[in-house]
Amino acid sequence: MTLKHRNNEAQNSKLKAQIKSKIENSKFKIMKKIQFEEIIKSAWQLAIKSRLLWFFGIFTGGGMWVSFQTDNLDFNNLAFQELMQKVFASLKEPLFIGILLFMILLFVVAVLLSFVARAAMLQGIDEKNKSGAIGTFKQLLNFGFSKLIKVILMELIYFVPSIIIMALSALLFFALAASAQKVIILTAILLFFFYFLVISFFRGYSYCFLVYENEGPWTAIRSGWNLLTKNIGEVITAGVLKMALVIAAGIVTIIVLAVATLPLVLVCVLVLIFVGNMGLYITIGIGLVVLLVVFMAIRGFLNTFFYSYTVFVYRRLAGK
């Protein structure tokens, strides 16, 4: 073997070692193609075996579909102006103010509980995945409260662009003529939709960095964004698949609740015939409580499943 050949081999070996070192030291390692079928199966099994997490799943927060119809929007309409006059007049009533303040308080408490529940849920999933056992309810709750300030700050950062969009939309809405107000509203809706669509692809991973890596709010958001940009194909695929699963789960939930309602309707008819109105009211009350319990159980299970799905995708992408 010639000296030149040996030098070439040495250089090739050194180059391979440098490349290997960069890969190993990279925060986001090169991963094999994600097996989503395996992730879904693992998340399903974890959700079934982790009934304690269902309770936190009830409070982790959800979403709603808002329907906007702009064809009939006319802010100069007499009926609309009369409605707004009644609303502003009612603001002076002490009872209305009391109810409004109580509803705001309930909303704030619900939001804070959802923040605590999210951190507790992620911790419980991690414990179950690593050791097969979950801490006590009190331990998970304490952990959730320990992350509350960081979660609040992270959510406030996520909310800043929404405030900017709302402020600019409001300024333009009142500054421009009535004919342009519909355009402003539609533009604002599209901006909100695009913004929340984009962050939906990496927001869950930011929570993982905040909880598992103990990163600060802004650092966790940046880490989630970096995870998206460095694995954009996998992250978008995971996000689209999750959306499809959410839609499917919603359809199944509606079917289950509809099927559960049929016996209640039959019992109510029989009670009305043989007992009367009082028996009907009692039966309806009991039936609604049962349906509420069923709905909460389904919600808790599904949120546990979807959080587990997000965690397993995060583990694969981040090489954890």
Protein backbone atom coordinates (compact mmCIF):
# COMPACT_ATOMS: atom_id res chain seq x y z
CA MET A 1 0.00 0.00 0.00
CA THR A 2 1.47 3.32 -1.07
CA LEU A 3 1.89 6.30 1.23
CA LYS A 4 -0.52 8.32 -0.91
CA HIS A 5 -3.17 5.63 -0.60
CA ARG A 6 -2.74 5.54 3.18
CA ASN A 7 -3.09 9.32 3.41
CA ASN A 8 -6.31 9.18 1.37
CA GLU A 9 -7.73 6.50 3.65
CA ALA A 10 -6.77 8.54 6.72
CA GLN A 11 -8.47 11.63 5.29
CA ASN A 12 -11.60 9.64 4.41
CA SER A 13 -11.72 8.15 7.91
CA LYS A 14 -11.32 11.58 9.46
CA LEU A 15 -14.08 13.01 7.26
CA LYS A 16 -16.43 10.14 8.17
CA ALA A 17 -15.68 10.66 11.85
CA GLN A 18 -16.48 14.38 11.58
CA ILE A 19 -19.77 13.71 9.82
CA LYS A 20 -20.71 11.06 12.40
CA SER A 21 -19.84 13.43 15.24
CA LYS A 22 -22.00 16.21 13.77
CA ILE A 23 -24.93 13.83 13.41
CA GLU A 24 -24.58 12.53 16.96
CA ASN A 25 -24.20 16.00 18.45
CA SER A 26 -27.09 17.45 16.49
CA LYS A 27 -30.14 18.26 18.56
CA PHE A 28 -32.38 16.72 15.95
CA LYS A 29 -30.86 13.44 14.83
CA ILE A 30 -31.47 11.93 11.42
CA MET A 31 -34.39 9.60 11.93
CA LYS A 32 -35.75 6.71 9.99
CA LYS A 33 -39.17 7.06 8.44
CA ILE A 34 -41.77 7.35 11.19
CA GLN A 35 -44.10 4.38 11.52
CA PHE A 36 -47.36 6.19 12.24
CA GLU A 37 -49.29 2.95 12.54
CA GLU A 38 -47.02 1.92 15.40
CA ILE A 39 -47.36 5.34 17.07
CA ILE A 40 -51.16 5.26 16.86
CA LYS A 41 -51.23 1.74 18.30
CA SER A 42 -48.89 2.70 21.17
CA ALA A 43 -50.89 5.85 21.95
CA TRP A 44 -54.14 3.86 21.95
CA GLN A 45 -52.75 1.23 24.31
CA LEU A 46 -51.32 3.85 26.67
CA ALA A 47 -54.63 5.73 26.75
CA ILE A 48 -56.60 2.58 27.55
CA LYS A 49 -54.24 1.61 30.39
CA SER A 50 -53.98 5.11 31.90
CA ARG A 51 -57.44 5.87 33.29
CA LEU A 52 -55.99 8.31 35.83
CA LEU A 53 -54.95 10.53 32.93
CA TRP A 54 -58.53 10.61 31.65
CA PHE A 55 -59.37 12.99 34.48
CA PHE A 56 -56.68 15.42 33.34
CA GLY A 57 -57.81 14.86 29.76
CA ILE A 58 -61.20 16.33 30.63
CA PHE A 59 -59.57 19.66 31.47
CA THR A 60 -56.79 19.86 28.88
CA GLY A 61 -58.86 22.14 26.70
CA GLY A 62 -60.55 21.69 23.36
CA GLY A 63 -61.75 23.67 20.41
CA MET A 64 -64.87 24.77 18.65
CA TRP A 65 -65.95 25.39 15.11
CA VAL A 66 -67.09 28.95 14.51
CA SER A 67 -69.23 29.64 11.48
CA PHE A 68 -69.05 33.07 9.90
CA GLN A 69 -71.65 34.33 7.44
CA THR A 70 -70.77 37.67 5.91
CA ASP A 71 -73.51 37.97 3.28
CA ASN A 72 -75.97 39.45 5.76
CA LEU A 73 -73.48 41.61 7.71
CA ASP A 74 -74.74 45.15 7.69
CA PHE A 75 -73.51 47.30 10.56
CA ASN A 76 -75.69 50.19 9.43
CA ASN A 77 -78.80 48.03 9.72
CA LEU A 78 -81.42 49.46 12.10
CA ALA A 79 -81.99 46.11 13.85
CA PHE A 80 -78.26 45.71 14.49
CA GLN A 81 -78.00 49.26 15.89
CA GLU A 82 -80.98 48.64 18.20
CA LEU A 83 -79.41 45.41 19.42
CA MET A 84 -76.13 47.17 20.23
CA GLN A 85 -78.01 49.93 22.06
CA LYS A 86 -79.70 47.31 24.25
CA VAL A 87 -76.37 45.60 24.93
CA PHE A 88 -74.66 48.85 25.98
CA ALA A 89 -77.69 49.85 28.07
CA SER A 90 -77.59 46.52 29.91
CA LEU A 91 -73.95 47.14 30.86
CA LYS A 92 -75.22 49.63 33.44
CA GLU A 93 -77.32 46.98 35.24
CA PRO A 94 -75.62 45.61 38.43
CA LEU A 95 -77.01 42.11 37.81
CA PHE A 96 -75.60 42.00 34.29
CA ILE A 97 -72.20 43.22 35.55
CA GLY A 98 -72.22 40.57 38.29
CA ILE A 99 -73.06 37.78 35.85
CA LEU A 100 -70.42 39.02 33.41
CA LEU A 101 -67.72 39.13 36.09
CA PHE A 102 -68.68 35.65 37.31
CA MET A 103 -68.46 34.26 33.77
CA ILE A 104 -65.05 35.90 33.27
CA LEU A 105 -63.85 34.37 36.55
CA LEU A 106 -65.07 30.93 35.50
CA PHE A 107 -63.33 31.31 32.16
CA VAL A 108 -60.02 32.30 33.79
CA VAL A 109 -60.20 29.38 36.24
CA ALA A 110 -61.00 26.96 33.41
CA VAL A 111 -58.04 28.22 31.36
CA LEU A 112 -55.63 27.91 34.30
CA LEU A 113 -56.89 24.40 35.07
CA SER A 114 -56.34 23.45 31.43
CA PHE A 115 -52.72 24.67 31.65
CA VAL A 116 -52.12 22.61 34.80
CA ALA A 117 -53.80 19.58 33.23
CA ARG A 118 -51.65 19.76 30.09
CA ALA A 119 -48.37 19.66 32.03
CA ALA A 120 -49.69 16.91 34.32
CA MET A 121 -50.87 14.91 31.29
CA LEU A 122 -47.46 15.08 29.59
CA GLN A 123 -45.69 14.07 32.80
CA GLY A 124 -48.06 11.12 33.29
CA ILE A 125 -47.56 9.94 29.71
CA ASP A 126 -43.78 10.10 30.13
CA GLU A 127 -43.91 8.11 33.37
CA LYS A 128 -46.21 5.49 31.88
CA ASN A 129 -44.07 5.15 28.77
CA LYS A 130 -40.78 4.83 30.66
CA SER A 131 -41.65 2.78 33.73
CA GLY A 132 -45.14 1.45 33.04
CA ALA A 133 -46.48 3.19 36.15
CA ILE A 134 -47.95 6.63 36.78
CA GLY A 135 -47.50 8.72 39.90
CA THR A 136 -50.39 9.55 42.18
CA PHE A 137 -53.01 12.12 41.33
CA LYS A 138 -51.50 14.52 43.86
CA GLN A 139 -48.00 14.14 42.38
CA LEU A 140 -49.20 14.85 38.85
CA LEU A 141 -51.28 17.80 40.05
CA ASN A 142 -48.30 19.28 41.92
CA PHE A 143 -46.15 18.84 38.82
CA GLY A 144 -48.78 20.61 36.72
CA PHE A 145 -48.83 23.57 39.11
CA SER A 146 -45.02 23.69 39.11
CA LYS A 147 -45.12 24.37 35.34
CA LEU A 148 -48.07 26.77 35.44
CA ILE A 149 -46.10 30.04 35.20
CA LYS A 150 -44.04 28.79 32.24
CA VAL A 151 -47.16 27.56 30.44
CA ILE A 152 -48.94 30.89 31.00
CA LEU A 153 -45.97 32.82 29.62
CA MET A 154 -45.72 30.53 26.59
CA GLU A 155 -49.43 30.87 25.83
CA LEU A 156 -49.15 34.66 26.16
CA ILE A 157 -46.32 34.65 23.61
CA TYR A 158 -48.47 32.57 21.26
CA PHE A 159 -51.33 35.02 21.82
CA VAL A 160 -49.35 38.17 20.93
CA PRO A 161 -49.82 37.80 17.13
CA SER A 162 -53.57 37.39 17.73
CA ILE A 163 -53.65 40.67 19.63
CA ILE A 164 -51.77 42.40 16.80
CA ILE A 165 -54.19 41.04 14.19
CA MET A 166 -57.21 42.09 16.28
CA ALA A 167 -55.81 45.58 16.94
CA LEU A 168 -54.98 46.24 13.29
CA SER A 169 -58.35 44.87 12.17
CA ALA A 170 -60.19 47.08 14.67
CA LEU A 171 -58.28 50.19 13.57
CA LEU A 172 -58.95 49.53 9.90
CA PHE A 173 -62.57 48.57 10.61
CA PHE A 174 -63.38 51.93 12.20
CA ALA A 175 -61.15 53.95 9.86
CA LEU A 176 -62.54 52.70 6.56
CA ALA A 177 -65.96 53.02 5.01
CA ALA A 178 -68.76 50.55 5.65
CA SER A 179 -68.28 48.99 2.21
CA ALA A 180 -64.76 47.87 3.20
CA GLN A 181 -65.70 46.49 6.60
CA LYS A 182 -66.66 43.09 5.22
CA VAL A 183 -63.26 42.82 3.54
CA ILE A 184 -61.53 43.68 6.83
CA ILE A 185 -63.49 41.00 8.69
CA LEU A 186 -62.79 38.34 6.06
CA THR A 187 -59.09 39.25 5.96
CA ALA A 188 -58.87 39.05 9.77
CA ILE A 189 -60.59 35.64 9.74
CA LEU A 190 -58.17 34.34 7.10
CA LEU A 191 -55.15 35.65 9.04
CA PHE A 192 -56.40 34.03 12.25
CA PHE A 193 -57.02 30.76 10.41
CA PHE A 194 -53.56 30.76 8.80
CA TYR A 195 -51.77 31.68 12.05
CA PHE A 196 -53.49 29.04 14.18
CA LEU A 197 -53.08 26.46 11.42
CA VAL A 198 -49.31 27.02 11.35
CA ILE A 199 -48.81 26.92 15.12
CA SER A 200 -51.02 23.83 15.40
CA PHE A 201 -48.26 21.86 13.68
CA PHE A 202 -45.64 22.55 16.37
CA ARG A 203 -47.42 23.90 19.45
CA GLY A 204 -47.70 20.47 21.06
CA TYR A 205 -43.98 19.89 20.60
CA SER A 206 -43.25 23.21 22.33
CA TYR A 207 -45.11 21.84 25.34
CA CYS A 208 -42.90 18.73 25.20
CA PHE A 209 -39.72 20.82 25.20
CA LEU A 210 -41.05 22.92 28.08
CA VAL A 211 -42.04 19.92 30.21
CA TYR A 212 -39.44 17.30 29.31
CA GLU A 213 -36.41 19.50 28.64
CA ASN A 214 -37.37 22.14 31.23
CA GLU A 215 -36.85 24.88 28.65
CA GLY A 216 -38.13 28.41 29.09
CA PRO A 217 -41.29 29.53 27.26
CA TRP A 218 -39.58 31.35 24.38
CA THR A 219 -36.88 28.69 24.02
CA ALA A 220 -39.53 25.96 23.96
CA ILE A 221 -41.41 27.77 21.19
CA ARG A 222 -38.22 28.14 19.15
CA SER A 223 -37.37 24.47 19.71
CA GLY A 224 -40.83 23.47 18.52
CA TRP A 225 -40.42 25.65 15.43
CA ASN A 226 -36.97 24.18 14.74
CA LEU A 227 -38.42 20.70 15.04
CA LEU A 228 -40.99 21.66 12.42
CA THR A 229 -38.54 23.25 9.98
CA LYS A 230 -35.98 20.42 10.25
CA ASN A 231 -38.62 17.69 9.87
CA ILE A 232 -41.29 19.55 7.91
CA GLY A 233 -42.51 16.54 5.94
CA GLU A 234 -42.91 14.30 8.98
CA VAL A 235 -44.44 17.05 11.13
CA ILE A 236 -47.01 18.04 8.51
CA THR A 237 -47.88 14.39 7.90
CA ALA A 238 -48.28 13.86 11.64
CA GLY A 239 -50.42 17.00 11.91
CA VAL A 240 -52.70 16.13 9.00
CA LEU A 241 -53.09 12.58 10.30
CA LYS A 242 -53.97 13.93 13.73
CA MET A 243 -56.60 16.24 12.23
CA ALA A 244 -58.12 13.28 10.39
CA LEU A 245 -58.16 11.26 13.62
CA VAL A 246 -59.80 14.18 15.47
CA ILE A 247 -62.56 14.36 12.84
CA ALA A 248 -63.07 10.60 12.96
CA ALA A 249 -63.16 10.66 16.77
CA GLY A 250 -65.73 13.48 16.67
CA ILE A 251 -67.98 11.50 14.34
CA VAL A 252 -67.70 8.38 16.51
CA THR A 253 -68.43 10.43 19.65
CA ILE A 254 -71.60 11.86 18.09
CA ILE A 255 -72.74 8.37 17.08
CA VAL A 256 -72.06 6.97 20.56
CA LEU A 257 -73.96 9.79 22.27
CA ALA A 258 -76.83 9.45 19.79
CA VAL A 259 -77.08 5.71 20.45
CA ALA A 260 -76.90 6.34 24.21
CA THR A 261 -79.71 8.92 23.90
CA LEU A 262 -82.20 6.53 22.24
CA PRO A 263 -82.88 4.46 25.41
CA LEU A 264 -83.30 7.72 27.36
CA VAL A 265 -85.94 8.94 24.90
CA LEU A 266 -87.79 5.62 25.13
CA VAL A 267 -87.71 5.66 28.93
CA CYS A 268 -88.92 9.28 29.00
CA VAL A 269 -91.91 8.42 26.80
CA LEU A 270 -92.86 5.47 29.04
CA VAL A 271 -92.44 7.54 32.21
CA LEU A 272 -94.59 10.33 30.75
CA ILE A 273 -97.36 7.84 29.92
CA PHE A 274 -97.38 5.89 33.19
CA VAL A 275 -96.03 8.39 35.77
CA GLY A 276 -96.58 11.93 34.52
CA ASN A 277 -94.67 15.16 34.17
CA MET A 278 -92.80 15.00 37.49
CA GLY A 279 -91.41 11.56 36.68
CA LEU A 280 -90.44 12.82 33.24
CA TYR A 281 -88.45 15.73 34.68
CA ILE A 282 -86.61 13.45 37.10
CA THR A 283 -85.83 10.94 34.33
CA ILE A 284 -84.54 13.66 32.03
CA GLY A 285 -82.31 15.01 34.83
CA ILE A 286 -80.83 11.58 35.56
CA GLY A 287 -80.41 10.86 31.85
CA LEU A 288 -78.55 14.12 31.24
CA VAL A 289 -76.18 13.37 34.12
CA VAL A 290 -75.48 9.91 32.65
CA LEU A 291 -74.86 11.36 29.19
CA LEU A 292 -72.56 14.00 30.69
CA VAL A 293 -70.52 11.30 32.47
CA VAL A 294 -70.27 9.29 29.23
CA PHE A 295 -69.20 12.39 27.30
CA MET A 296 -66.56 13.31 29.90
CA ALA A 297 -65.15 9.77 29.88
CA ILE A 298 -64.90 9.82 26.07
CA ARG A 299 -63.31 13.28 26.13
CA GLY A 300 -60.78 12.26 28.78
CA PHE A 301 -59.81 9.12 26.87
CA LEU A 302 -59.50 10.88 23.51
CA ASN A 303 -57.39 13.72 24.88
CA THR A 304 -55.11 11.18 26.57
CA PHE A 305 -54.78 9.39 23.23
CA PHE A 306 -54.01 12.55 21.24
CA TYR A 307 -51.49 13.83 23.78
CA SER A 308 -49.80 10.41 23.75
CA TYR A 309 -49.72 10.54 19.96
CA THR A 310 -48.02 13.96 20.06
CA VAL A 311 -45.47 12.78 22.64
CA PHE A 312 -44.55 9.66 20.64
CA VAL A 313 -44.09 11.70 17.45
CA TYR A 314 -41.96 14.19 19.39
CA ARG A 315 -39.79 11.37 20.78
CA ARG A 316 -39.20 9.96 17.29
CA LEU A 317 -38.37 13.33 15.71
CA ALA A 318 -36.20 14.67 18.53
CA GLY A 319 -34.38 11.35 18.93
CA LYS A 320 -35.32 11.06 22.60
